[in-house]
Amino acid sequence: MVAFENLAGVAIIALGMVLTPGPNMVYLTSRAISQGRMAGMISLAGVALGFVCYLLASGLGLAALFKAVPVAYDIIRIAGALYLGYLAWNMLKPKGVSPFEARELPPHSPRRLFMMGLVTNLLNPKIALMYAALIPQFIDPSAGSTFQQFTQLGLIQIAIAVTVNGMIVLAASTVSSFLVKRPSVMRIQRWLSGAVLGVFAVDILLRKPFA
């Protein structure tokens, strides 16, 4: 069983990352604004399947890796901290792009919407690195099956990402109009998300290496 503080840590990171502009958010908001909420939700279903694919592939691979090469845990820990720091810096920079500045997109069929959501997520480097380098920071190899721990933590991330993205899809048009008139709100969102990710980057980097 994963410790509560580790579940909470993944939940906070997942929330911070889902609120940062990225390929998934840009695609979903653009699709929802240009083709409607239903199109956005179908696309989100494809994104959700992409999360599950990452969860299964990364969980199985990392479980075997930690068992065979314990030092890999420390390598991934440092890589994860550096990546979080990189994300934090990109959020805190003076210039940022709002995902709600959506492009006009041609209408797609439900099947294509689903597949585009899936492909967008599978090719999203932010999600790939999250599963390869961030979630493993909250796994304790001495606490039992790393795969079971990874699955629990991954499901927390998926639940938060799908819920938040679903809310964004439903509110995309309204939020887009709101932010166009209030750019300072987007700046505040970027600063808060960047600060949260920066704190976790420092915390992970200062953790005691796994022995």
C-alpha atoms as a PDB file:
ATOM      1  CA  MET A   1       0.000   0.000   0.000  1.00  0.00           C
ATOM      2  CA  VAL A   2       1.347   3.412  -0.941  1.00  0.00           C
ATOM      3  CA  ALA A   3       1.806   5.858   1.925  1.00  0.00           C
ATOM      4  CA  PHE A   4      -0.682   8.719   2.078  1.00  0.00           C
ATOM      5  CA  GLU A   5       2.026  11.357   1.716  1.00  0.00           C
ATOM      6  CA  ASN A   6       3.175   9.735  -1.538  1.00  0.00           C
ATOM      7  CA  LEU A   7      -0.382   9.629  -2.877  1.00  0.00           C
ATOM      8  CA  ALA A   8      -0.786  13.290  -1.927  1.00  0.00           C
ATOM      9  CA  GLY A   9       2.529  14.164  -3.548  1.00  0.00           C
ATOM     10  CA  VAL A  10       1.553  12.588  -6.858  1.00  0.00           C
ATOM     11  CA  ALA A  11      -1.867  14.237  -6.655  1.00  0.00           C
ATOM     12  CA  ILE A  12      -0.328  17.691  -6.215  1.00  0.00           C
ATOM     13  CA  ILE A  13       2.185  17.176  -9.010  1.00  0.00           C
ATOM     14  CA  ALA A  14      -0.513  15.763 -11.298  1.00  0.00           C
ATOM     15  CA  LEU A  15      -2.703  18.790 -10.596  1.00  0.00           C
ATOM     16  CA  GLY A  16       0.145  21.216 -11.207  1.00  0.00           C
ATOM     17  CA  MET A  17       1.091  19.527 -14.469  1.00  0.00           C
ATOM     18  CA  VAL A  18      -2.441  19.216 -15.836  1.00  0.00           C
ATOM     19  CA  LEU A  19      -2.893  22.939 -15.247  1.00  0.00           C
ATOM     20  CA  THR A  20       0.261  23.795 -17.187  1.00  0.00           C
ATOM     21  CA  PRO A  21      -0.159  24.361 -20.938  1.00  0.00           C
ATOM     22  CA  GLY A  22       0.818  21.316 -22.957  1.00  0.00           C
ATOM     23  CA  PRO A  23      -0.156  19.325 -26.071  1.00  0.00           C
ATOM     24  CA  ASN A  24      -3.154  17.660 -24.397  1.00  0.00           C
ATOM     25  CA  MET A  25      -4.665  20.876 -23.077  1.00  0.00           C
ATOM     26  CA  VAL A  26      -4.066  22.758 -26.308  1.00  0.00           C
ATOM     27  CA  TYR A  27      -5.638  20.029 -28.421  1.00  0.00           C
ATOM     28  CA  LEU A  28      -8.636  19.490 -26.145  1.00  0.00           C
ATOM     29  CA  THR A  29      -9.459  23.154 -25.723  1.00  0.00           C
ATOM     30  CA  SER A  30      -8.983  23.864 -29.414  1.00  0.00           C
ATOM     31  CA  ARG A  31     -11.206  20.947 -30.370  1.00  0.00           C
ATOM     32  CA  ALA A  32     -13.881  21.831 -27.816  1.00  0.00           C
ATOM     33  CA  ILE A  33     -13.985  25.471 -28.894  1.00  0.00           C
ATOM     34  CA  SER A  34     -13.989  24.745 -32.627  1.00  0.00           C
ATOM     35  CA  GLN A  35     -16.249  21.645 -32.731  1.00  0.00           C
ATOM     36  CA  GLY A  36     -18.161  21.602 -29.453  1.00  0.00           C
ATOM     37  CA  ARG A  37     -18.096  19.937 -26.043  1.00  0.00           C
ATOM     38  CA  MET A  38     -18.987  16.459 -27.291  1.00  0.00           C
ATOM     39  CA  ALA A  39     -16.017  16.478 -29.657  1.00  0.00           C
ATOM     40  CA  GLY A  40     -13.815  17.560 -26.780  1.00  0.00           C
ATOM     41  CA  MET A  41     -15.053  14.738 -24.552  1.00  0.00           C
ATOM     42  CA  ILE A  42     -14.514  12.106 -27.269  1.00  0.00           C
ATOM     43  CA  SER A  43     -10.983  13.421 -27.715  1.00  0.00           C
ATOM     44  CA  LEU A  44     -10.526  13.235 -23.938  1.00  0.00           C
ATOM     45  CA  ALA A  45     -11.472   9.536 -24.006  1.00  0.00           C
ATOM     46  CA  GLY A  46      -8.556   8.956 -26.362  1.00  0.00           C
ATOM     47  CA  VAL A  47      -6.254  10.935 -24.070  1.00  0.00           C
ATOM     48  CA  ALA A  48      -7.391   8.775 -21.123  1.00  0.00           C
ATOM     49  CA  LEU A  49      -6.500   5.585 -23.000  1.00  0.00           C
ATOM     50  CA  GLY A  50      -3.072   7.067 -23.649  1.00  0.00           C
ATOM     51  CA  PHE A  51      -2.579   7.485 -19.897  1.00  0.00           C
ATOM     52  CA  VAL A  52      -3.496   3.828 -19.342  1.00  0.00           C
ATOM     53  CA  CYS A  53      -0.989   2.739 -21.992  1.00  0.00           C
ATOM     54  CA  TYR A  54       1.757   4.722 -20.267  1.00  0.00           C
ATOM     55  CA  LEU A  55       0.757   3.337 -16.885  1.00  0.00           C
ATOM     56  CA  LEU A  56       0.963  -0.302 -17.955  1.00  0.00           C
ATOM     57  CA  ALA A  57       4.132   0.009 -20.020  1.00  0.00           C
ATOM     58  CA  SER A  58       6.025   2.144 -17.519  1.00  0.00           C
ATOM     59  CA  GLY A  59       4.866   0.180 -14.482  1.00  0.00           C
ATOM     60  CA  LEU A  60       5.993  -3.158 -15.843  1.00  0.00           C
ATOM     61  CA  GLY A  61       9.266  -1.797 -17.133  1.00  0.00           C
ATOM     62  CA  LEU A  62      10.218   0.111 -14.000  1.00  0.00           C
ATOM     63  CA  ALA A  63       9.279  -2.769 -11.715  1.00  0.00           C
ATOM     64  CA  ALA A  64      11.780  -4.982 -13.515  1.00  0.00           C
ATOM     65  CA  LEU A  65      14.376  -2.197 -13.667  1.00  0.00           C
ATOM     66  CA  PHE A  66      14.303  -1.415  -9.939  1.00  0.00           C
ATOM     67  CA  LYS A  67      14.615  -5.087  -9.099  1.00  0.00           C
ATOM     68  CA  ALA A  68      17.584  -5.677 -11.405  1.00  0.00           C
ATOM     69  CA  VAL A  69      19.381  -2.337 -10.975  1.00  0.00           C
ATOM     70  CA  PRO A  70      18.600  -0.579  -7.657  1.00  0.00           C
ATOM     71  CA  VAL A  71      20.805   2.408  -8.553  1.00  0.00           C
ATOM     72  CA  ALA A  72      18.370   3.189 -11.368  1.00  0.00           C
ATOM     73  CA  TYR A  73      16.015   4.541  -8.695  1.00  0.00           C
ATOM     74  CA  ASP A  74      18.492   7.299  -7.845  1.00  0.00           C
ATOM     75  CA  ILE A  75      19.183   8.103 -11.483  1.00  0.00           C
ATOM     76  CA  ILE A  76      15.473   8.510 -12.163  1.00  0.00           C
ATOM     77  CA  ARG A  77      15.060  10.526  -8.953  1.00  0.00           C
ATOM     78  CA  ILE A  78      17.608  13.100 -10.097  1.00  0.00           C
ATOM     79  CA  ALA A  79      16.242  13.158 -13.651  1.00  0.00           C
ATOM     80  CA  GLY A  80      12.740  13.747 -12.313  1.00  0.00           C
ATOM     81  CA  ALA A  81      13.881  16.628 -10.122  1.00  0.00           C
ATOM     82  CA  LEU A  82      15.669  18.292 -13.021  1.00  0.00           C
ATOM     83  CA  TYR A  83      12.641  17.899 -15.261  1.00  0.00           C
ATOM     84  CA  LEU A  84      10.341  19.427 -12.636  1.00  0.00           C
ATOM     85  CA  GLY A  85      12.756  22.337 -12.346  1.00  0.00           C
ATOM     86  CA  TYR A  86      12.670  22.771 -16.121  1.00  0.00           C
ATOM     87  CA  LEU A  87       8.852  22.818 -16.117  1.00  0.00           C
ATOM     88  CA  ALA A  88       8.807  25.282 -13.239  1.00  0.00           C
ATOM     89  CA  TRP A  89      11.167  27.630 -15.077  1.00  0.00           C
ATOM     90  CA  ASN A  90       9.042  27.506 -18.219  1.00  0.00           C
ATOM     91  CA  MET A  91       5.971  28.395 -16.174  1.00  0.00           C
ATOM     92  CA  LEU A  92       7.658  31.254 -14.325  1.00  0.00           C
ATOM     93  CA  LYS A  93       9.202  32.932 -17.382  1.00  0.00           C
ATOM     94  CA  PRO A  94       7.714  36.350 -18.232  1.00  0.00           C
ATOM     95  CA  LYS A  95       6.286  35.156 -21.544  1.00  0.00           C
ATOM     96  CA  GLY A  96       3.815  32.299 -21.759  1.00  0.00           C
ATOM     97  CA  VAL A  97       1.241  30.958 -24.196  1.00  0.00           C
ATOM     98  CA  SER A  98      -2.335  30.356 -23.130  1.00  0.00           C
ATOM     99  CA  PRO A  99      -3.814  27.041 -24.313  1.00  0.00           C
ATOM    100  CA  PHE A 100      -7.144  28.843 -24.577  1.00  0.00           C
ATOM    101  CA  GLU A 101      -5.909  30.829 -27.575  1.00  0.00           C
ATOM    102  CA  ALA A 102      -7.340  28.058 -29.715  1.00  0.00           C
ATOM    103  CA  ARG A 103      -6.865  27.527 -33.407  1.00  0.00           C
ATOM    104  CA  GLU A 104      -9.713  26.988 -35.803  1.00  0.00           C
ATOM    105  CA  LEU A 105      -9.811  23.273 -36.629  1.00  0.00           C
ATOM    106  CA  PRO A 106     -11.787  21.404 -39.307  1.00  0.00           C
ATOM    107  CA  PRO A 107     -14.463  19.026 -37.944  1.00  0.00           C
ATOM    108  CA  HIS A 108     -13.424  15.400 -37.388  1.00  0.00           C
ATOM    109  CA  SER A 109     -15.406  12.162 -37.076  1.00  0.00           C
ATOM    110  CA  PRO A 110     -15.797  10.598 -33.587  1.00  0.00           C
ATOM    111  CA  ARG A 111     -13.286   7.873 -34.476  1.00  0.00           C
ATOM    112  CA  ARG A 112     -10.714  10.391 -35.621  1.00  0.00           C
ATOM    113  CA  LEU A 113     -11.327  12.556 -32.566  1.00  0.00           C
ATOM    114  CA  PHE A 114     -10.640   9.555 -30.319  1.00  0.00           C
ATOM    115  CA  MET A 115      -7.512   8.539 -32.223  1.00  0.00           C
ATOM    116  CA  MET A 116      -6.165  12.086 -32.299  1.00  0.00           C
ATOM    117  CA  GLY A 117      -6.629  12.339 -28.541  1.00  0.00           C
ATOM    118  CA  LEU A 118      -4.797   9.035 -28.079  1.00  0.00           C
ATOM    119  CA  VAL A 119      -1.935   9.927 -30.412  1.00  0.00           C
ATOM    120  CA  THR A 120      -1.573  13.419 -28.948  1.00  0.00           C
ATOM    121  CA  ASN A 121      -1.119  11.938 -25.488  1.00  0.00           C
ATOM    122  CA  LEU A 122       1.194   9.114 -26.558  1.00  0.00           C
ATOM    123  CA  LEU A 123       3.457  11.652 -28.269  1.00  0.00           C
ATOM    124  CA  ASN A 124       3.312  14.104 -25.362  1.00  0.00           C
ATOM    125  CA  PRO A 125       6.830  14.351 -23.871  1.00  0.00           C
ATOM    126  CA  LYS A 126       5.447  15.833 -20.646  1.00  0.00           C
ATOM    127  CA  ILE A 127       3.404  12.689 -19.970  1.00  0.00           C
ATOM    128  CA  ALA A 128       6.191  10.352 -21.059  1.00  0.00           C
ATOM    129  CA  LEU A 129       8.628  11.938 -18.649  1.00  0.00           C
ATOM    130  CA  MET A 130       6.067  12.069 -15.868  1.00  0.00           C
ATOM    131  CA  TYR A 131       5.623   8.305 -15.973  1.00  0.00           C
ATOM    132  CA  ALA A 132       9.302   7.582 -16.532  1.00  0.00           C
ATOM    133  CA  ALA A 133      10.833  10.054 -14.100  1.00  0.00           C
ATOM    134  CA  LEU A 134       8.307  11.678 -11.754  1.00  0.00           C
ATOM    135  CA  ILE A 135       5.863   9.068 -10.473  1.00  0.00           C
ATOM    136  CA  PRO A 136       8.762   6.716  -9.596  1.00  0.00           C
ATOM    137  CA  GLN A 137       9.969   9.320  -7.082  1.00  0.00           C
ATOM    138  CA  PHE A 138       7.074   8.287  -4.841  1.00  0.00           C
ATOM    139  CA  ILE A 139       7.698   4.542  -5.019  1.00  0.00           C
ATOM    140  CA  ASP A 140       9.414   2.866  -2.087  1.00  0.00           C
ATOM    141  CA  PRO A 141      11.128  -0.300  -3.347  1.00  0.00           C
ATOM    142  CA  SER A 142      11.241  -1.626   0.229  1.00  0.00           C
ATOM    143  CA  ALA A 143       7.459  -1.315   0.685  1.00  0.00           C
ATOM    144  CA  GLY A 144       6.430  -4.180  -1.562  1.00  0.00           C
ATOM    145  CA  SER A 145       5.556  -4.623  -5.218  1.00  0.00           C
ATOM    146  CA  THR A 146       6.730  -1.599  -7.200  1.00  0.00           C
ATOM    147  CA  PHE A 147       4.203  -2.426  -9.919  1.00  0.00           C
ATOM    148  CA  GLN A 148       1.289  -2.267  -7.465  1.00  0.00           C
ATOM    149  CA  GLN A 149       2.582   1.012  -6.058  1.00  0.00           C
ATOM    150  CA  PHE A 150       3.055   2.394  -9.568  1.00  0.00           C
ATOM    151  CA  THR A 151      -0.477   1.368 -10.501  1.00  0.00           C
ATOM    152  CA  GLN A 152      -1.996   3.103  -7.477  1.00  0.00           C
ATOM    153  CA  LEU A 153      -0.034   6.284  -8.095  1.00  0.00           C
ATOM    154  CA  GLY A 154      -0.762   6.198 -11.813  1.00  0.00           C
ATOM    155  CA  LEU A 155      -4.490   5.848 -11.232  1.00  0.00           C
ATOM    156  CA  ILE A 156      -4.379   8.940  -9.009  1.00  0.00           C
ATOM    157  CA  GLN A 157      -2.688  10.859 -11.818  1.00  0.00           C
ATOM    158  CA  ILE A 158      -5.175   9.610 -14.413  1.00  0.00           C
ATOM    159  CA  ALA A 159      -8.191  10.462 -12.254  1.00  0.00           C
ATOM    160  CA  ILE A 160      -6.955  14.009 -11.684  1.00  0.00           C
ATOM    161  CA  ALA A 161      -5.880  14.576 -15.291  1.00  0.00           C
ATOM    162  CA  VAL A 162      -9.139  13.277 -16.779  1.00  0.00           C
ATOM    163  CA  THR A 163     -11.296  15.177 -14.272  1.00  0.00           C
ATOM    164  CA  VAL A 164      -9.508  18.501 -14.757  1.00  0.00           C
ATOM    165  CA  ASN A 165      -9.307  18.137 -18.530  1.00  0.00           C
ATOM    166  CA  GLY A 166     -12.992  17.233 -18.607  1.00  0.00           C
ATOM    167  CA  MET A 167     -13.844  20.401 -16.700  1.00  0.00           C
ATOM    168  CA  ILE A 168     -11.656  22.406 -19.076  1.00  0.00           C
ATOM    169  CA  VAL A 169     -13.392  20.903 -22.100  1.00  0.00           C
ATOM    170  CA  LEU A 170     -16.831  21.738 -20.700  1.00  0.00           C
ATOM    171  CA  ALA A 171     -15.816  25.296 -19.878  1.00  0.00           C
ATOM    172  CA  ALA A 172     -13.416  25.945 -22.779  1.00  0.00           C
ATOM    173  CA  SER A 173     -15.458  28.510 -24.673  1.00  0.00           C
ATOM    174  CA  THR A 174     -16.414  30.460 -21.563  1.00  0.00           C
ATOM    175  CA  VAL A 175     -12.894  30.402 -20.145  1.00  0.00           C
ATOM    176  CA  SER A 176     -11.392  31.441 -23.491  1.00  0.00           C
ATOM    177  CA  SER A 177     -13.576  34.546 -23.624  1.00  0.00           C
ATOM    178  CA  PHE A 178     -12.820  35.322 -19.980  1.00  0.00           C
ATOM    179  CA  LEU A 179      -9.034  35.072 -20.360  1.00  0.00           C
ATOM    180  CA  VAL A 180      -8.909  37.160 -23.515  1.00  0.00           C
ATOM    181  CA  LYS A 181     -10.170  40.055 -21.400  1.00  0.00           C
ATOM    182  CA  ARG A 182      -8.077  39.190 -18.312  1.00  0.00           C
ATOM    183  CA  PRO A 183      -4.526  38.124 -19.266  1.00  0.00           C
ATOM    184  CA  SER A 184      -3.362  38.725 -15.697  1.00  0.00           C
ATOM    185  CA  VAL A 185      -5.389  35.697 -14.545  1.00  0.00           C
ATOM    186  CA  MET A 186      -3.380  33.400 -16.830  1.00  0.00           C
ATOM    187  CA  ARG A 187      -0.135  34.884 -15.522  1.00  0.00           C
ATOM    188  CA  ILE A 188      -1.216  34.147 -11.939  1.00  0.00           C
ATOM    189  CA  GLN A 189      -2.077  30.561 -12.920  1.00  0.00           C
ATOM    190  CA  ARG A 190       1.359  30.119 -14.488  1.00  0.00           C
ATOM    191  CA  TRP A 191       3.136  31.533 -11.448  1.00  0.00           C
ATOM    192  CA  LEU A 192       1.243  29.336  -8.986  1.00  0.00           C
ATOM    193  CA  SER A 193       1.784  26.181 -11.023  1.00  0.00           C
ATOM    194  CA  GLY A 194       5.456  27.009 -11.511  1.00  0.00           C
ATOM    195  CA  ALA A 195       5.963  27.603  -7.803  1.00  0.00           C
ATOM    196  CA  VAL A 196       4.375  24.252  -6.877  1.00  0.00           C
ATOM    197  CA  LEU A 197       6.499  22.360  -9.396  1.00  0.00           C
ATOM    198  CA  GLY A 198       9.638  24.188  -8.239  1.00  0.00           C
ATOM    199  CA  VAL A 199       9.077  23.245  -4.597  1.00  0.00           C
ATOM    200  CA  PHE A 200       8.672  19.582  -5.531  1.00  0.00           C
ATOM    201  CA  ALA A 201      11.804  19.713  -7.692  1.00  0.00           C
ATOM    202  CA  VAL A 202      13.879  20.866  -4.722  1.00  0.00           C
ATOM    203  CA  ASP A 203      12.235  18.332  -2.379  1.00  0.00           C
ATOM    204  CA  ILE A 204      12.921  15.413  -4.719  1.00  0.00           C
ATOM    205  CA  LEU A 205      16.516  16.499  -5.381  1.00  0.00           C
ATOM    206  CA  LEU A 206      17.261  16.684  -1.648  1.00  0.00           C
ATOM    207  CA  ARG A 207      15.801  13.282  -0.820  1.00  0.00           C
ATOM    208  CA  LYS A 208      18.140  10.671   0.563  1.00  0.00           C
ATOM    209  CA  PRO A 209      19.355   8.404  -2.255  1.00  0.00           C
ATOM    210  CA  PHE A 210      17.990   4.868  -2.190  1.00  0.00           C
ATOM    211  CA  ALA A 211      20.488   2.418  -0.775  1.00  0.00           C
END
